[in-house]
Amino acid sequence: MFQDNSVAIPQAMPQVIPQPLPNDPAPNRETVRHLLLGSLTAVKNTIRVLHKLGYAEPNDWSKPLPTGRTGEVMAILTKHLLLP
């Protein structure tokens, strides 16, 4: 929908797969990104609810950014999780 197909993507681009370093103190650490899409009111309310549930601080989210659709914004949260 928003992709620009006129830009050529090199087919020989190597994939980078992150590997934990031998002395990495948290090799089971993983990054998760949450994306909220909706009206400014809905996005702000959802951020407040997630804060009340103890999941994320409101300041951990990006500022609401316009998506290009009328009345729609997005906010992004990046969490770093330790896996068992």
C-alpha atoms as a PDB file:
ATOM      1  CA  MET A   1       0.000   0.000   0.000  1.00  0.00           C
ATOM      2  CA  PHE A   2       2.742   2.498   0.945  1.00  0.00           C
ATOM      3  CA  GLN A   3       5.599   0.722  -0.779  1.00  0.00           C
ATOM      4  CA  ASP A   4       7.449   2.424  -3.589  1.00  0.00           C
ATOM      5  CA  ASN A   5       8.104  -0.313  -6.139  1.00  0.00           C
ATOM      6  CA  SER A   6      10.275   1.940  -8.286  1.00  0.00           C
ATOM      7  CA  VAL A   7      13.301   1.457  -6.008  1.00  0.00           C
ATOM      8  CA  ALA A   8      15.460  -1.523  -6.961  1.00  0.00           C
ATOM      9  CA  ILE A   9      16.464  -3.739  -4.045  1.00  0.00           C
ATOM     10  CA  PRO A  10      19.730  -5.595  -4.579  1.00  0.00           C
ATOM     11  CA  GLN A  11      19.115  -9.332  -4.661  1.00  0.00           C
ATOM     12  CA  ALA A  12      22.630 -10.191  -3.473  1.00  0.00           C
ATOM     13  CA  MET A  13      22.267  -8.291  -0.198  1.00  0.00           C
ATOM     14  CA  PRO A  14      23.490 -10.588   2.593  1.00  0.00           C
ATOM     15  CA  GLN A  15      21.145 -11.174   5.493  1.00  0.00           C
ATOM     16  CA  VAL A  16      22.504 -10.160   8.861  1.00  0.00           C
ATOM     17  CA  ILE A  17      21.447 -12.527  11.621  1.00  0.00           C
ATOM     18  CA  PRO A  18      22.525 -11.245  15.038  1.00  0.00           C
ATOM     19  CA  GLN A  19      24.450 -13.763  17.081  1.00  0.00           C
ATOM     20  CA  PRO A  20      25.061 -13.436  20.818  1.00  0.00           C
ATOM     21  CA  LEU A  21      28.636 -12.589  21.720  1.00  0.00           C
ATOM     22  CA  PRO A  22      30.467 -15.221  23.789  1.00  0.00           C
ATOM     23  CA  ASN A  23      30.678 -12.892  26.813  1.00  0.00           C
ATOM     24  CA  ASP A  24      27.208 -11.397  26.325  1.00  0.00           C
ATOM     25  CA  PRO A  25      25.651 -11.117  29.824  1.00  0.00           C
ATOM     26  CA  ALA A  26      22.125 -11.586  28.411  1.00  0.00           C
ATOM     27  CA  PRO A  27      22.205 -13.992  25.454  1.00  0.00           C
ATOM     28  CA  ASN A  28      18.469 -14.674  25.875  1.00  0.00           C
ATOM     29  CA  ARG A  29      17.549 -11.027  25.356  1.00  0.00           C
ATOM     30  CA  GLU A  30      15.108 -10.255  22.576  1.00  0.00           C
ATOM     31  CA  THR A  31      13.643  -7.021  21.230  1.00  0.00           C
ATOM     32  CA  VAL A  32       9.905  -6.662  20.632  1.00  0.00           C
ATOM     33  CA  ARG A  33       8.247  -3.662  18.992  1.00  0.00           C
ATOM     34  CA  HIS A  34       4.642  -2.667  19.551  1.00  0.00           C
ATOM     35  CA  LEU A  35       2.864  -0.436  17.066  1.00  0.00           C
ATOM     36  CA  LEU A  36      -0.351   1.407  17.908  1.00  0.00           C
ATOM     37  CA  LEU A  37      -2.449   2.788  15.055  1.00  0.00           C
ATOM     38  CA  GLY A  38      -5.603   4.838  15.501  1.00  0.00           C
ATOM     39  CA  SER A  39      -6.930   8.248  16.356  1.00  0.00           C
ATOM     40  CA  LEU A  40      -4.792  10.367  18.665  1.00  0.00           C
ATOM     41  CA  THR A  41      -7.342   9.858  21.450  1.00  0.00           C
ATOM     42  CA  ALA A  42      -7.397   6.072  21.039  1.00  0.00           C
ATOM     43  CA  VAL A  43      -3.591   5.816  20.932  1.00  0.00           C
ATOM     44  CA  LYS A  44      -3.166   7.997  24.039  1.00  0.00           C
ATOM     45  CA  ASN A  45      -5.849   6.034  25.917  1.00  0.00           C
ATOM     46  CA  THR A  46      -4.213   2.718  25.033  1.00  0.00           C
ATOM     47  CA  ILE A  47      -0.827   3.992  26.242  1.00  0.00           C
ATOM     48  CA  ARG A  48      -2.487   5.025  29.538  1.00  0.00           C
ATOM     49  CA  VAL A  49      -4.147   1.605  29.947  1.00  0.00           C
ATOM     50  CA  LEU A  50      -0.874  -0.228  29.300  1.00  0.00           C
ATOM     51  CA  HIS A  51       0.785   2.031  31.873  1.00  0.00           C
ATOM     52  CA  LYS A  52      -1.915   1.310  34.470  1.00  0.00           C
ATOM     53  CA  LEU A  53      -1.397  -2.411  33.844  1.00  0.00           C
ATOM     54  CA  GLY A  54       2.294  -1.914  34.576  1.00  0.00           C
ATOM     55  CA  TYR A  55       3.459  -2.851  31.088  1.00  0.00           C
ATOM     56  CA  ALA A  56       5.185   0.341  29.901  1.00  0.00           C
ATOM     57  CA  GLU A  57       5.854   3.902  30.961  1.00  0.00           C
ATOM     58  CA  PRO A  58       4.139   6.518  28.775  1.00  0.00           C
ATOM     59  CA  ASN A  59       7.505   8.168  28.042  1.00  0.00           C
ATOM     60  CA  ASP A  60       8.799   4.873  26.603  1.00  0.00           C
ATOM     61  CA  TRP A  61       6.518   5.332  23.576  1.00  0.00           C
ATOM     62  CA  SER A  62       7.437   7.459  20.586  1.00  0.00           C
ATOM     63  CA  LYS A  63       5.589  10.708  20.054  1.00  0.00           C
ATOM     64  CA  PRO A  64       2.425  10.086  18.015  1.00  0.00           C
ATOM     65  CA  LEU A  65       3.357  10.344  14.333  1.00  0.00           C
ATOM     66  CA  PRO A  66       0.946  10.957  11.446  1.00  0.00           C
ATOM     67  CA  THR A  67       0.438   7.926   9.194  1.00  0.00           C
ATOM     68  CA  GLY A  68      -0.757   9.815   6.134  1.00  0.00           C
ATOM     69  CA  ARG A  69      -4.337   8.713   6.680  1.00  0.00           C
ATOM     70  CA  THR A  70      -6.790  11.349   7.850  1.00  0.00           C
ATOM     71  CA  GLY A  71      -7.174  11.308  11.629  1.00  0.00           C
ATOM     72  CA  GLU A  72      -4.712   8.443  12.146  1.00  0.00           C
ATOM     73  CA  VAL A  73      -1.460   8.441  14.114  1.00  0.00           C
ATOM     74  CA  MET A  74       0.973   5.761  15.204  1.00  0.00           C
ATOM     75  CA  ALA A  75       3.121   5.301  18.272  1.00  0.00           C
ATOM     76  CA  ILE A  76       5.938   2.760  18.672  1.00  0.00           C
ATOM     77  CA  LEU A  77       7.250   1.054  21.796  1.00  0.00           C
ATOM     78  CA  THR A  78      10.437  -1.018  21.857  1.00  0.00           C
ATOM     79  CA  LYS A  79      10.761  -3.477  24.745  1.00  0.00           C
ATOM     80  CA  HIS A  80      13.804  -5.577  25.591  1.00  0.00           C
ATOM     81  CA  LEU A  81      12.786  -8.915  27.072  1.00  0.00           C
ATOM     82  CA  LEU A  82      14.807 -11.586  28.809  1.00  0.00           C
ATOM     83  CA  LEU A  83      13.716 -15.013  27.651  1.00  0.00           C
ATOM     84  CA  PRO A  84      13.972 -18.080  29.913  1.00  0.00           C
END
